[in-house]
């Protein structure tokens, strides 16, 4: 049964909008191994971001057909464009997990002209760093609440 829960962690981290910021703390607080939760969530999130980068043209065409016309940019797209203009791809990738999501950051970066290789590199760095931050912060915070008071 525990393997099933790790599979759920992988799938949840791979799902856009759930992201590692939610999945890692929930997995750790649930009592699972912090190391395994961080690793599995990282791999799940990276898998779908890598697929998005590799299949960018097809995904872009899909959304273009679905949109059928010019729509005004939503708040996430506007925020991503501001980050892109100020910090470029590294900033967009590093701030993506906490502001707009890793998948949206990768897609918008590619839409604004970032190369696949650099998008994948910066996305990997970002997801790794934020996975560690969310995992360590959760372990420290959770430890604070469960520590016996003397």
Protein backbone atom coordinates (compact mmCIF):
# COMPACT_ATOMS: atom_id res chain seq x y z
CA UNK A 1 0.00 0.00 0.00
CA UNK A 2 2.88 2.39 0.69
CA UNK A 3 4.14 1.99 -2.89
CA UNK A 4 0.73 3.15 -4.08
CA UNK A 5 1.11 6.36 -2.06
CA UNK A 6 4.53 7.04 -3.61
CA UNK A 7 2.98 6.49 -7.05
CA UNK A 8 0.34 9.07 -6.11
CA UNK A 9 3.09 11.49 -5.06
CA UNK A 10 4.78 10.99 -8.45
CA UNK A 11 1.52 11.52 -10.36
CA UNK A 12 0.52 14.56 -8.30
CA UNK A 13 3.91 16.20 -8.81
CA UNK A 14 3.65 15.49 -12.53
CA UNK A 15 0.27 17.20 -12.70
CA UNK A 16 0.34 20.87 -13.67
CA UNK A 17 -1.15 23.14 -10.99
CA UNK A 18 -0.50 20.67 -8.17
CA UNK A 19 3.26 21.10 -8.39
CA UNK A 20 6.03 20.28 -5.93
CA UNK A 21 5.12 23.18 -3.60
CA UNK A 22 2.01 21.28 -2.54
CA UNK A 23 3.00 17.66 -3.08
CA UNK A 24 6.28 17.60 -1.14
CA UNK A 25 4.95 19.11 2.09
CA UNK A 26 1.84 16.90 2.00
CA UNK A 27 3.92 13.75 1.43
CA UNK A 28 6.31 14.55 4.26
CA UNK A 29 3.58 15.57 6.71
CA UNK A 30 1.77 12.34 5.80
CA UNK A 31 4.76 10.52 7.32
CA UNK A 32 6.63 9.32 4.25
CA UNK A 33 10.40 9.37 3.91
CA UNK A 34 11.42 12.98 3.16
CA UNK A 35 14.22 11.79 0.89
CA UNK A 36 11.88 9.59 -1.17
CA UNK A 37 9.13 12.22 -1.30
CA UNK A 38 11.58 14.87 -2.56
CA UNK A 39 13.14 12.49 -5.10
CA UNK A 40 9.86 11.09 -6.42
CA UNK A 41 8.17 14.51 -6.60
CA UNK A 42 11.21 15.93 -8.42
CA UNK A 43 11.14 13.09 -10.94
CA UNK A 44 7.39 13.41 -11.48
CA UNK A 45 7.53 17.16 -12.04
CA UNK A 46 10.61 16.89 -14.26
CA UNK A 47 9.04 14.22 -16.44
CA UNK A 48 6.12 16.37 -17.51
CA UNK A 49 8.19 19.54 -17.85
CA UNK A 50 10.70 17.65 -20.03
CA UNK A 51 7.84 16.27 -22.15
CA UNK A 52 6.43 19.77 -22.51
CA UNK A 53 9.79 21.14 -23.65
CA UNK A 54 10.40 18.29 -26.09
CA UNK A 55 6.89 18.45 -27.52
CA UNK A 56 6.59 22.25 -27.35
CA UNK A 57 5.54 22.80 -30.95
CA UNK A 58 2.68 20.30 -30.70
CA UNK A 59 1.49 21.72 -27.38
CA UNK A 60 1.65 25.25 -28.78
CA UNK A 61 -0.40 24.23 -31.82
CA UNK A 62 -2.97 22.54 -29.58
CA UNK A 63 -3.48 25.66 -27.49
CA UNK A 64 -3.60 27.86 -30.60
CA UNK A 65 -6.37 25.71 -32.09
CA UNK A 66 -8.19 25.65 -28.77
CA UNK A 67 -8.01 29.43 -28.36
CA UNK A 68 -9.30 30.22 -31.90
CA UNK A 69 -8.55 33.88 -31.78
CA UNK A 70 -6.71 36.47 -29.79
CA UNK A 71 -7.50 36.46 -26.10
CA UNK A 72 -6.21 38.96 -23.59
CA UNK A 73 -3.36 37.67 -21.47
CA UNK A 74 -4.30 36.37 -18.05
CA UNK A 75 -2.53 37.46 -14.85
CA UNK A 76 -0.12 34.50 -14.86
CA UNK A 77 0.95 35.24 -18.44
CA UNK A 78 1.40 38.94 -17.64
CA UNK A 79 3.45 38.12 -14.54
CA UNK A 80 5.59 35.67 -16.54
CA UNK A 81 6.23 38.27 -19.26
CA UNK A 82 7.35 40.81 -16.63
CA UNK A 83 9.71 38.26 -15.06
CA UNK A 84 11.04 37.32 -18.52
CA UNK A 85 11.70 40.96 -19.42
CA UNK A 86 13.46 41.63 -16.14
CA UNK A 87 15.36 38.39 -15.43
CA UNK A 88 15.26 36.29 -18.61
CA UNK A 89 14.98 32.53 -18.69
CA UNK A 90 16.94 31.89 -15.45
CA UNK A 91 14.63 34.20 -13.51
CA UNK A 92 11.49 32.79 -15.09
CA UNK A 93 12.58 29.23 -14.35
CA UNK A 94 13.67 29.95 -10.79
CA UNK A 95 10.60 32.00 -9.85
CA UNK A 96 8.18 29.79 -11.78
CA UNK A 97 7.51 27.16 -9.08
CA UNK A 98 6.40 29.76 -6.53
CA UNK A 99 4.70 32.33 -8.79
CA UNK A 100 3.20 30.67 -11.86
CA UNK A 101 4.08 26.96 -11.86
CA UNK A 102 6.91 25.05 -13.49
CA UNK A 103 4.93 23.96 -16.53
CA UNK A 104 3.64 27.45 -17.30
CA UNK A 105 7.12 28.93 -16.79
CA UNK A 106 8.65 26.46 -19.24
CA UNK A 107 5.88 26.97 -21.80
CA UNK A 108 6.03 30.76 -21.62
CA UNK A 109 9.83 30.74 -21.76
CA UNK A 110 9.71 28.65 -24.91
CA UNK A 111 6.96 30.88 -26.34
CA UNK A 112 9.17 33.90 -25.78
CA UNK A 113 12.04 32.34 -27.70
CA UNK A 114 14.07 30.32 -25.19
CA UNK A 115 15.95 27.35 -26.63
CA UNK A 116 14.79 23.88 -25.61
CA UNK A 117 18.19 22.97 -24.20
CA UNK A 118 18.42 26.03 -21.94
CA UNK A 119 14.79 25.74 -20.88
CA UNK A 120 15.38 22.15 -19.83
CA UNK A 121 18.62 23.02 -17.99
CA UNK A 122 17.11 25.95 -16.07
CA UNK A 123 13.89 24.05 -15.35
CA UNK A 124 15.90 21.14 -13.93
CA UNK A 125 17.95 23.46 -11.72
CA UNK A 126 14.83 25.25 -10.53
CA UNK A 127 12.81 22.12 -9.78
CA UNK A 128 15.77 20.58 -7.95
CA UNK A 129 16.42 23.68 -5.84
CA UNK A 130 12.74 24.21 -4.99
CA UNK A 131 12.22 20.51 -4.24
CA UNK A 132 15.02 20.73 -1.68
CA UNK A 133 13.72 24.01 -0.25
CA UNK A 134 10.15 22.71 0.12
CA UNK A 135 11.37 19.41 1.56
CA UNK A 136 13.83 20.88 4.06
CA UNK A 137 11.44 23.66 5.10
CA UNK A 138 8.68 21.11 5.68
CA UNK A 139 10.97 18.82 7.68
CA UNK A 140 12.16 21.72 9.83
CA UNK A 141 8.67 23.09 10.35
CA UNK A 142 7.13 19.69 10.97
CA UNK A 143 9.92 18.81 13.38
CA UNK A 144 9.20 22.04 15.24
CA UNK A 145 5.58 21.03 15.80
CA UNK A 146 6.19 17.40 16.79
CA UNK A 147 9.21 17.98 19.03
CA UNK A 148 8.43 17.22 22.65
CA UNK A 149 8.23 20.26 24.87
CA UNK A 150 10.21 19.85 28.06
